[in-house]
């Protein structure tokens, strides 16, 4: 019998000072049985960093033909493709062909190595890549509960996150953009 995903509910007070975007988000996130807490929390944080109308979680790890998040136009065109992790060159090529904008959020300790290897292979793909600090992602994942109330304030290249269990700061850097 197949394992079922774990469902998490997030009530988020979002303040993105970089985009002057303020919202209250109620997100239901399914954590795939093979997905780490860190990866799921990066998906949720990527949602906050790109929050806008029509941004949705896809089937994620359950569907290899879809990104982790996307924005589709009313005529079903992909406007924004967001992958979490370290996708291969073929996947990045496909994403950049199918969408108007492609973003990748890398998050583990191997991100710099993955990026260096990808730099050697890629040929001016229109992909924006961000790398989260691995230790701050681990700290953020340590706050995870099945139901959470969070305050997320984004400024510069940092997100300040406050929960009932504690607080943390998650930072990132942009590795590349074409």
N, C-alpha and C. Protein backbone atom coordinates (compact mmCIF):
# COMPACT_ATOMS: atom_id res chain seq x y z
N UNK A 1 0.84 -1.17 0.00
CA UNK A 1 0.00 0.00 0.00
C UNK A 1 0.89 1.25 0.00
N UNK A 2 0.54 2.20 -0.84
CA UNK A 2 1.33 3.43 -0.96
C UNK A 2 1.17 4.31 0.27
N UNK A 3 2.28 4.94 0.64
CA UNK A 3 2.24 5.88 1.75
C UNK A 3 1.51 7.15 1.31
N UNK A 4 0.80 7.75 2.23
CA UNK A 4 0.06 8.97 1.93
C UNK A 4 0.87 10.19 2.37
N UNK A 5 0.63 11.32 1.71
CA UNK A 5 1.34 12.54 2.13
C UNK A 5 0.87 13.02 3.50
N UNK A 6 1.72 13.77 4.15
CA UNK A 6 1.37 14.41 5.41
C UNK A 6 0.87 15.82 5.08
N UNK A 7 -0.27 16.17 5.60
CA UNK A 7 -0.86 17.48 5.31
C UNK A 7 -0.48 18.47 6.40
N UNK A 8 0.00 19.64 5.96
CA UNK A 8 0.36 20.73 6.88
C UNK A 8 -0.49 21.95 6.52
N UNK A 9 -0.90 22.67 7.52
CA UNK A 9 -1.68 23.90 7.31
C UNK A 9 -0.91 25.07 7.90
N UNK A 10 -0.73 26.10 7.07
CA UNK A 10 0.00 27.29 7.47
C UNK A 10 -0.90 28.52 7.36
N UNK A 11 -0.97 29.28 8.42
CA UNK A 11 -1.65 30.57 8.41
C UNK A 11 -0.54 31.62 8.51
N UNK A 12 -0.35 32.36 7.43
CA UNK A 12 0.82 33.23 7.30
C UNK A 12 0.42 34.69 7.17
N UNK A 13 1.04 35.51 7.99
CA UNK A 13 0.93 36.96 7.84
C UNK A 13 2.20 37.37 7.09
N UNK A 14 2.05 37.72 5.82
CA UNK A 14 3.18 38.00 4.94
C UNK A 14 3.38 39.49 4.75
N UNK A 15 4.61 39.93 4.97
CA UNK A 15 5.01 41.32 4.69
C UNK A 15 6.26 41.27 3.84
N UNK A 16 6.11 41.53 2.54
CA UNK A 16 7.26 41.55 1.64
C UNK A 16 7.61 43.01 1.39
N UNK A 17 8.60 43.50 2.12
CA UNK A 17 8.97 44.90 2.04
C UNK A 17 9.66 45.24 0.72
N UNK A 18 10.21 44.24 0.06
CA UNK A 18 10.87 44.47 -1.23
C UNK A 18 9.87 44.76 -2.34
N UNK A 19 8.72 44.12 -2.29
CA UNK A 19 7.71 44.27 -3.34
C UNK A 19 6.52 45.10 -2.88
N UNK A 20 6.54 45.59 -1.64
CA UNK A 20 5.37 46.26 -1.05
C UNK A 20 4.13 45.38 -1.19
N UNK A 21 4.30 44.12 -0.81
CA UNK A 21 3.21 43.14 -0.91
C UNK A 21 2.90 42.64 0.49
N UNK A 22 1.64 42.78 0.88
CA UNK A 22 1.20 42.38 2.22
C UNK A 22 -0.06 41.53 2.06
N UNK A 23 -0.08 40.38 2.74
CA UNK A 23 -1.20 39.48 2.56
C UNK A 23 -1.31 38.54 3.76
N UNK A 24 -2.47 37.97 3.91
CA UNK A 24 -2.70 36.87 4.84
C UNK A 24 -2.95 35.63 4.00
N UNK A 25 -2.10 34.64 4.18
CA UNK A 25 -2.17 33.43 3.37
C UNK A 25 -2.59 32.25 4.24
N UNK A 26 -3.46 31.44 3.72
CA UNK A 26 -3.82 30.17 4.35
C UNK A 26 -3.45 29.08 3.37
N UNK A 27 -2.34 28.40 3.65
CA UNK A 27 -1.80 27.39 2.74
C UNK A 27 -1.97 26.00 3.31
N UNK A 28 -2.39 25.09 2.46
CA UNK A 28 -2.41 23.67 2.80
C UNK A 28 -1.36 23.02 1.92
N UNK A 29 -0.36 22.41 2.57
CA UNK A 29 0.77 21.85 1.84
C UNK A 29 0.85 20.36 2.13
N UNK A 30 0.90 19.58 1.06
CA UNK A 30 1.04 18.13 1.19
C UNK A 30 2.53 17.79 1.11
N UNK A 31 3.02 17.14 2.16
CA UNK A 31 4.42 16.71 2.18
C UNK A 31 4.48 15.28 1.66
N UNK A 32 5.11 15.10 0.51
CA UNK A 32 5.26 13.78 -0.10
C UNK A 32 6.01 12.87 0.88
N UNK A 33 5.68 11.58 0.92
CA UNK A 33 6.36 10.67 1.85
C UNK A 33 7.88 10.68 1.74
N UNK A 34 8.42 10.94 0.55
CA UNK A 34 9.87 10.95 0.38
C UNK A 34 10.48 12.35 0.52
N UNK A 35 9.67 13.33 0.83
CA UNK A 35 10.13 14.71 0.91
C UNK A 35 10.58 15.05 2.33
N UNK A 36 11.73 15.69 2.43
CA UNK A 36 12.24 16.11 3.74
C UNK A 36 11.47 17.34 4.23
N UNK A 37 11.51 17.55 5.52
CA UNK A 37 10.88 18.75 6.11
C UNK A 37 11.53 20.01 5.54
N UNK A 38 12.83 19.97 5.33
CA UNK A 38 13.55 21.14 4.80
C UNK A 38 13.04 21.50 3.40
N UNK A 39 12.88 20.49 2.56
CA UNK A 39 12.40 20.76 1.19
C UNK A 39 10.99 21.33 1.20
N UNK A 40 10.14 20.78 2.04
CA UNK A 40 8.77 21.27 2.11
C UNK A 40 8.73 22.72 2.60
N UNK A 41 9.55 23.04 3.58
CA UNK A 41 9.58 24.40 4.10
C UNK A 41 10.14 25.37 3.06
N UNK A 42 11.06 24.92 2.23
CA UNK A 42 11.56 25.76 1.14
C UNK A 42 10.45 26.02 0.13
N UNK A 43 9.64 25.00 -0.16
CA UNK A 43 8.49 25.21 -1.06
C UNK A 43 7.57 26.28 -0.50
N UNK A 44 7.29 26.19 0.80
CA UNK A 44 6.40 27.16 1.42
C UNK A 44 7.03 28.56 1.39
N UNK A 45 8.33 28.65 1.65
CA UNK A 45 9.01 29.94 1.63
C UNK A 45 9.07 30.50 0.20
N UNK A 46 9.27 29.64 -0.79
CA UNK A 46 9.25 30.08 -2.19
C UNK A 46 7.88 30.64 -2.54
N UNK A 47 6.83 30.05 -1.98
CA UNK A 47 5.48 30.58 -2.20
C UNK A 47 5.41 32.00 -1.65
N UNK A 48 5.91 32.21 -0.45
CA UNK A 48 5.87 33.54 0.16
C UNK A 48 6.68 34.56 -0.66
N UNK A 49 7.83 34.15 -1.15
CA UNK A 49 8.69 35.07 -1.92
C UNK A 49 8.08 35.46 -3.25
N UNK A 50 7.18 34.64 -3.76
CA UNK A 50 6.57 34.89 -5.07
C UNK A 50 5.06 35.07 -4.99
N UNK A 51 4.53 35.27 -3.80
CA UNK A 51 3.08 35.34 -3.60
C UNK A 51 2.44 36.32 -4.58
N UNK A 52 1.41 35.83 -5.24
CA UNK A 52 0.64 36.63 -6.19
C UNK A 52 -0.61 35.84 -6.56
N UNK A 53 -1.50 36.51 -7.22
CA UNK A 53 -2.72 35.85 -7.66
C UNK A 53 -2.37 34.71 -8.61
N UNK A 54 -3.03 33.58 -8.48
CA UNK A 54 -2.89 32.39 -9.31
C UNK A 54 -1.62 31.57 -9.05
N UNK A 55 -0.81 31.92 -8.04
CA UNK A 55 0.32 31.08 -7.68
C UNK A 55 -0.22 29.88 -6.90
N UNK A 56 0.13 28.69 -7.34
CA UNK A 56 -0.37 27.47 -6.68
C UNK A 56 0.74 26.43 -6.57
N UNK A 57 0.58 25.56 -5.58
CA UNK A 57 1.42 24.38 -5.48
C UNK A 57 0.91 23.38 -6.51
N UNK A 58 1.82 22.67 -7.13
CA UNK A 58 1.43 21.61 -8.06
C UNK A 58 1.51 20.28 -7.33
N UNK A 59 1.45 19.20 -8.08
CA UNK A 59 1.57 17.88 -7.47
C UNK A 59 3.00 17.59 -7.02
N UNK A 60 3.94 18.46 -7.40
CA UNK A 60 5.31 18.36 -6.92
C UNK A 60 5.99 17.05 -7.25
N UNK A 61 6.53 16.40 -6.24
CA UNK A 61 7.28 15.15 -6.44
C UNK A 61 6.43 14.04 -7.04
N UNK A 62 5.13 14.16 -6.93
CA UNK A 62 4.23 13.13 -7.48
C UNK A 62 4.08 13.23 -8.99
N UNK A 63 4.48 14.36 -9.57
CA UNK A 63 4.31 14.59 -11.01
C UNK A 63 5.60 15.20 -11.55
N UNK A 64 6.37 14.42 -12.29
CA UNK A 64 7.67 14.89 -12.78
C UNK A 64 7.58 15.92 -13.90
N UNK A 65 6.43 16.05 -14.51
CA UNK A 65 6.27 16.99 -15.62
C UNK A 65 5.89 18.39 -15.16
N UNK A 66 5.71 18.57 -13.87
CA UNK A 66 5.30 19.87 -13.33
C UNK A 66 6.35 20.39 -12.36
N UNK A 67 6.41 21.72 -12.20
CA UNK A 67 7.31 22.29 -11.20
C UNK A 67 6.70 22.12 -9.81
N UNK A 68 7.36 22.68 -8.81
CA UNK A 68 6.81 22.65 -7.45
C UNK A 68 5.70 23.68 -7.28
N UNK A 69 5.85 24.82 -7.94
CA UNK A 69 4.83 25.88 -7.93
C UNK A 69 4.77 26.47 -9.32
N UNK A 70 3.62 27.04 -9.64
CA UNK A 70 3.53 27.76 -10.90
C UNK A 70 2.41 28.77 -10.86
N UNK A 71 2.52 29.70 -11.81
CA UNK A 71 1.45 30.66 -12.09
C UNK A 71 1.06 30.41 -13.54
N UNK A 72 -0.23 30.16 -13.75
CA UNK A 72 -0.73 29.97 -15.11
C UNK A 72 -1.67 31.13 -15.44
N UNK A 73 -1.63 31.53 -16.69
CA UNK A 73 -2.52 32.57 -17.15
C UNK A 73 -3.93 32.00 -17.30
N UNK A 74 -4.87 32.86 -17.58
CA UNK A 74 -6.25 32.41 -17.75
C UNK A 74 -6.42 31.51 -18.98
N UNK A 75 -5.49 31.62 -19.93
CA UNK A 75 -5.55 30.74 -21.10
C UNK A 75 -4.59 29.55 -20.97
N UNK A 76 -4.21 29.23 -19.72
CA UNK A 76 -3.44 28.04 -19.36
C UNK A 76 -1.98 28.07 -19.80
N UNK A 77 -1.44 29.24 -20.06
CA UNK A 77 -0.01 29.37 -20.36
C UNK A 77 0.75 29.50 -19.04
N UNK A 78 1.94 28.91 -18.97
CA UNK A 78 2.74 28.99 -17.74
C UNK A 78 3.49 30.31 -17.72
N UNK A 79 3.14 31.15 -16.78
CA UNK A 79 3.80 32.45 -16.64
C UNK A 79 5.04 32.36 -15.76
N UNK A 80 4.97 31.53 -14.70
CA UNK A 80 6.09 31.39 -13.77
C UNK A 80 6.22 29.93 -13.38
N UNK A 81 7.42 29.39 -13.53
CA UNK A 81 7.75 28.01 -13.19
C UNK A 81 8.75 28.08 -12.04
N UNK A 82 8.45 27.45 -10.91
CA UNK A 82 9.35 27.46 -9.76
C UNK A 82 9.70 26.03 -9.37
N UNK A 83 10.99 25.73 -9.40
CA UNK A 83 11.49 24.43 -8.95
C UNK A 83 12.26 24.62 -7.65
N UNK A 84 12.19 23.61 -6.80
CA UNK A 84 12.92 23.60 -5.53
C UNK A 84 13.93 22.47 -5.60
N UNK A 85 15.17 22.73 -5.27
CA UNK A 85 16.21 21.70 -5.29
C UNK A 85 17.28 22.04 -6.29
N UNK A 86 17.85 21.01 -6.88
CA UNK A 86 18.92 21.17 -7.86
C UNK A 86 18.55 20.43 -9.14
N UNK A 87 17.67 21.00 -9.96
CA UNK A 87 17.24 20.31 -11.19
C UNK A 87 18.39 20.20 -12.19
N UNK A 88 18.26 19.21 -13.04
CA UNK A 88 19.26 19.00 -14.08
C UNK A 88 19.09 19.97 -15.24
N UNK A 89 20.07 19.99 -16.09
CA UNK A 89 20.07 20.91 -17.23
C UNK A 89 18.88 20.68 -18.15
N UNK A 90 18.53 19.43 -18.41
CA UNK A 90 17.39 19.14 -19.29
C UNK A 90 16.10 19.70 -18.73
N UNK A 91 15.91 19.56 -17.44
CA UNK A 91 14.70 20.09 -16.81
C UNK A 91 14.66 21.62 -16.90
N UNK A 92 15.80 22.27 -16.71
CA UNK A 92 15.85 23.73 -16.81
C UNK A 92 15.57 24.20 -18.23
N UNK A 93 16.06 23.47 -19.20
CA UNK A 93 15.78 23.82 -20.60
C UNK A 93 14.28 23.71 -20.87
N UNK A 94 13.70 22.61 -20.42
CA UNK A 94 12.26 22.41 -20.61
C UNK A 94 11.46 23.52 -19.93
N UNK A 95 11.82 23.83 -18.70
CA UNK A 95 11.11 24.86 -17.95
C UNK A 95 11.20 26.22 -18.65
N UNK A 96 12.38 26.56 -19.12
CA UNK A 96 12.54 27.88 -19.76
C UNK A 96 11.84 27.94 -21.11
N UNK A 97 11.65 26.80 -21.77
CA UNK A 97 10.89 26.77 -23.03
C UNK A 97 9.39 26.91 -22.77
N UNK A 98 8.91 26.31 -21.68
CA UNK A 98 7.47 26.27 -21.42
C UNK A 98 6.93 27.47 -20.66
N UNK A 99 7.80 28.23 -20.02
CA UNK A 99 7.30 29.32 -19.17
C UNK A 99 7.93 30.66 -19.55
N UNK A 100 7.24 31.71 -19.17
CA UNK A 100 7.75 33.05 -19.42
C UNK A 100 8.89 33.39 -18.47
N UNK A 101 8.84 32.84 -17.26
CA UNK A 101 9.86 33.10 -16.25
C UNK A 101 10.11 31.82 -15.47
N UNK A 102 11.39 31.52 -15.20
CA UNK A 102 11.75 30.31 -14.47
C UNK A 102 12.65 30.68 -13.29
N UNK A 103 12.30 30.12 -12.11
CA UNK A 103 13.10 30.35 -10.91
C UNK A 103 13.40 29.00 -10.26
N UNK A 104 14.59 28.92 -9.67
CA UNK A 104 15.00 27.74 -8.92
C UNK A 104 15.45 28.19 -7.54
N UNK A 105 14.98 27.46 -6.52
CA UNK A 105 15.39 27.71 -5.14
C UNK A 105 16.13 26.49 -4.64
N UNK A 106 17.44 26.62 -4.55
CA UNK A 106 18.30 25.54 -4.06
C UNK A 106 18.48 25.75 -2.56
N UNK A 107 18.68 24.65 -1.82
CA UNK A 107 18.66 24.85 -0.37
C UNK A 107 19.61 23.98 0.43
N UNK A 108 20.36 23.09 -0.16
CA UNK A 108 21.17 22.24 0.71
C UNK A 108 22.65 22.60 0.64
N UNK A 109 23.45 21.89 1.39
CA UNK A 109 24.87 22.21 1.48
C UNK A 109 25.62 21.97 0.18
N UNK A 110 25.02 21.23 -0.77
CA UNK A 110 25.66 20.95 -2.06
C UNK A 110 25.35 22.00 -3.12
N UNK A 111 24.58 23.01 -2.80
CA UNK A 111 24.15 23.99 -3.79
C UNK A 111 25.31 24.65 -4.55
N UNK A 112 26.38 25.09 -3.87
CA UNK A 112 27.47 25.72 -4.64
C UNK A 112 28.11 24.77 -5.66
N UNK A 113 28.26 23.49 -5.30
CA UNK A 113 28.84 22.51 -6.23
C UNK A 113 27.90 22.29 -7.41
N UNK A 114 26.61 22.13 -7.13
CA UNK A 114 25.61 21.96 -8.20
C UNK A 114 25.66 23.15 -9.15
N UNK A 115 25.72 24.35 -8.60
CA UNK A 115 25.72 25.57 -9.41
C UNK A 115 26.97 25.63 -10.28
N UNK A 116 28.13 25.31 -9.72
CA UNK A 116 29.37 25.35 -10.51
C UNK A 116 29.31 24.35 -11.67
N UNK A 117 28.81 23.16 -11.41
CA UNK A 117 28.69 22.16 -12.48
C UNK A 117 27.69 22.60 -13.54
N UNK A 118 26.59 23.21 -13.10
CA UNK A 118 25.57 23.67 -14.04
C UNK A 118 26.10 24.83 -14.89
N UNK A 119 26.88 25.71 -14.29
CA UNK A 119 27.45 26.85 -15.01
C UNK A 119 28.28 26.39 -16.21
N UNK A 120 28.99 25.28 -16.03
CA UNK A 120 29.84 24.77 -17.11
C UNK A 120 29.02 24.23 -18.28
N UNK A 121 27.80 23.73 -18.00
CA UNK A 121 27.00 23.07 -19.02
C UNK A 121 25.95 23.96 -19.67
N UNK A 122 25.45 24.92 -18.93
CA UNK A 122 24.30 25.65 -19.47
C UNK A 122 24.72 26.70 -20.47
N UNK A 123 23.81 27.04 -21.34
CA UNK A 123 24.11 28.02 -22.37
C UNK A 123 23.07 29.14 -22.32
N UNK A 124 23.30 30.07 -21.45
CA UNK A 124 22.46 31.28 -21.36
C UNK A 124 20.97 30.99 -21.21
N UNK A 125 20.63 30.06 -20.35
CA UNK A 125 19.22 29.78 -20.09
C UNK A 125 18.61 30.92 -19.29
N UNK A 126 17.38 31.33 -19.62
CA UNK A 126 16.73 32.41 -18.87
C UNK A 126 16.14 31.89 -17.55
N UNK A 127 17.04 31.55 -16.62
CA UNK A 127 16.64 30.97 -15.34
C UNK A 127 17.29 31.78 -14.23
N UNK A 128 16.50 32.15 -13.21
CA UNK A 128 17.03 32.83 -12.04
C UNK A 128 17.18 31.80 -10.93
N UNK A 129 18.37 31.73 -10.35
CA UNK A 129 18.67 30.72 -9.34
C UNK A 129 19.01 31.40 -8.02
N UNK A 130 18.38 30.91 -6.95
CA UNK A 130 18.63 31.40 -5.60
C UNK A 130 19.09 30.23 -4.74
N UNK A 131 20.00 30.50 -3.82
CA UNK A 131 20.46 29.47 -2.89
C UNK A 131 20.18 29.94 -1.47
N UNK A 132 19.39 29.15 -0.75
CA UNK A 132 19.13 29.43 0.66
C UNK A 132 20.30 28.93 1.49
N UNK A 133 20.54 29.59 2.60
CA UNK A 133 21.54 29.14 3.55
C UNK A 133 21.03 27.85 4.20
N UNK A 134 21.78 26.78 4.07
CA UNK A 134 21.37 25.46 4.54
C UNK A 134 21.09 25.43 6.04
N UNK A 135 21.93 26.06 6.83
CA UNK A 135 21.74 26.02 8.28
C UNK A 135 20.48 26.76 8.71
N UNK A 136 20.16 27.86 8.05
CA UNK A 136 18.94 28.57 8.42
C UNK A 136 17.70 27.80 7.96
N UNK A 137 17.80 27.05 6.86
CA UNK A 137 16.68 26.20 6.43
C UNK A 137 16.47 25.08 7.44
N UNK A 138 17.54 24.50 7.95
CA UNK A 138 17.43 23.47 8.97
C UNK A 138 16.76 24.02 10.23
N UNK A 139 17.15 25.23 10.61
CA UNK A 139 16.55 25.86 11.79
C UNK A 139 15.07 26.11 11.55
N UNK A 140 14.70 26.59 10.38
CA UNK A 140 13.31 26.83 10.03
C UNK A 140 12.50 25.53 10.06
N UNK A 141 13.06 24.47 9.47
CA UNK A 141 12.38 23.17 9.46
C UNK A 141 12.20 22.63 10.88
N UNK A 142 13.09 23.00 11.78
CA UNK A 142 12.98 22.57 13.17
C UNK A 142 11.76 23.15 13.88
N UNK A 143 11.18 24.19 13.32
CA UNK A 143 9.98 24.81 13.90
C UNK A 143 8.69 24.18 13.39
N UNK A 144 8.80 23.24 12.45
CA UNK A 144 7.64 22.67 11.77
C UNK A 144 6.67 21.97 12.71
N UNK A 145 5.39 22.27 12.50
CA UNK A 145 4.28 21.59 13.15
C UNK A 145 3.23 21.33 12.08
N UNK A 146 2.29 20.44 12.37
CA UNK A 146 1.25 20.13 11.38
C UNK A 146 0.36 21.33 11.09
N UNK A 147 0.10 22.15 12.09
CA UNK A 147 -0.67 23.38 11.92
C UNK A 147 0.17 24.51 12.51
N UNK A 148 0.43 25.54 11.71
CA UNK A 148 1.31 26.62 12.16
C UNK A 148 0.72 27.99 11.85
N UNK A 149 0.98 28.91 12.74
CA UNK A 149 0.69 30.33 12.52
C UNK A 149 2.06 31.00 12.45
N UNK A 150 2.31 31.68 11.32
CA UNK A 150 3.62 32.30 11.09
C UNK A 150 3.47 33.76 10.70
N UNK A 151 4.50 34.50 11.03
CA UNK A 151 4.66 35.85 10.51
C UNK A 151 5.94 35.82 9.69
N UNK A 152 5.85 36.19 8.42
CA UNK A 152 7.01 36.18 7.53
C UNK A 152 7.22 37.60 7.02
N UNK A 153 8.39 38.16 7.33
CA UNK A 153 8.75 39.50 6.87
C UNK A 153 9.97 39.37 5.98
N UNK A 154 9.82 39.80 4.73
CA UNK A 154 10.90 39.70 3.75
C UNK A 154 11.50 41.07 3.52
N UNK A 155 12.81 41.14 3.68
CA UNK A 155 13.53 42.38 3.41
C UNK A 155 14.93 42.03 2.92
N UNK A 156 15.34 42.67 1.84
CA UNK A 156 16.63 42.34 1.26
C UNK A 156 16.66 40.89 0.84
N UNK A 157 17.70 40.19 1.24
CA UNK A 157 17.82 38.77 0.93
C UNK A 157 17.65 37.95 2.20
N UNK A 158 16.66 38.33 3.00
CA UNK A 158 16.36 37.62 4.24
C UNK A 158 14.87 37.59 4.49
N UNK A 159 14.45 36.52 5.15
CA UNK A 159 13.07 36.41 5.63
C UNK A 159 13.15 36.19 7.14
N UNK A 160 12.46 37.03 7.88
CA UNK A 160 12.38 36.89 9.33
C UNK A 160 11.08 36.18 9.63
N UNK A 161 11.19 35.04 10.29
CA UNK A 161 10.03 34.19 10.51
C UNK A 161 9.80 34.02 12.00
N UNK A 162 8.57 34.29 12.42
CA UNK A 162 8.19 34.11 13.82
C UNK A 162 7.04 33.13 13.89
N UNK A 163 7.17 32.15 14.77
CA UNK A 163 6.12 31.17 15.01
C UNK A 163 5.88 31.08 16.51
N UNK A 164 4.90 30.29 16.88
CA UNK A 164 4.63 30.09 18.30
C UNK A 164 5.76 29.33 18.98
N UNK A 165 6.50 28.53 18.22
CA UNK A 165 7.59 27.73 18.78
C UNK A 165 8.93 28.44 18.79
N UNK A 166 9.05 29.54 18.05
CA UNK A 166 10.33 30.24 18.01
C UNK A 166 10.44 31.11 16.77
N UNK A 167 11.62 31.67 16.61
CA UNK A 167 11.91 32.57 15.50
C UNK A 167 13.18 32.15 14.81
N UNK A 168 13.29 32.56 13.54
CA UNK A 168 14.54 32.33 12.81
C UNK A 168 14.62 33.32 11.66
N UNK A 169 15.80 33.42 11.11
CA UNK A 169 16.02 34.23 9.92
C UNK A 169 16.57 33.31 8.84
N UNK A 170 15.96 33.35 7.67
CA UNK A 170 16.42 32.55 6.54
C UNK A 170 16.98 33.53 5.50
N UNK A 171 18.24 33.31 5.14
CA UNK A 171 18.85 34.19 4.13
C UNK A 171 19.13 33.39 2.87
N UNK A 172 19.34 34.11 1.79
CA UNK A 172 19.63 33.50 0.50
C UNK A 172 20.48 34.44 -0.32
N UNK A 173 21.00 33.90 -1.39
CA UNK A 173 21.72 34.74 -2.34
C UNK A 173 21.33 34.33 -3.76
N UNK A 174 21.36 35.28 -4.63
CA UNK A 174 21.05 34.99 -6.03
C UNK A 174 22.33 34.50 -6.67
N UNK A 175 22.29 33.29 -7.24
CA UNK A 175 23.47 32.70 -7.86
C UNK A 175 23.63 33.11 -9.31
N UNK A 176 22.52 33.29 -9.98
CA UNK A 176 22.62 33.65 -11.38
C UNK A 176 21.30 34.00 -11.99
N UNK A 177 21.36 34.81 -13.02
CA UNK A 177 20.17 35.18 -13.76
C UNK A 177 20.59 35.48 -15.19
N UNK A 178 19.78 35.04 -16.08
CA UNK A 178 20.03 35.33 -17.51
C UNK A 178 18.92 36.19 -18.03
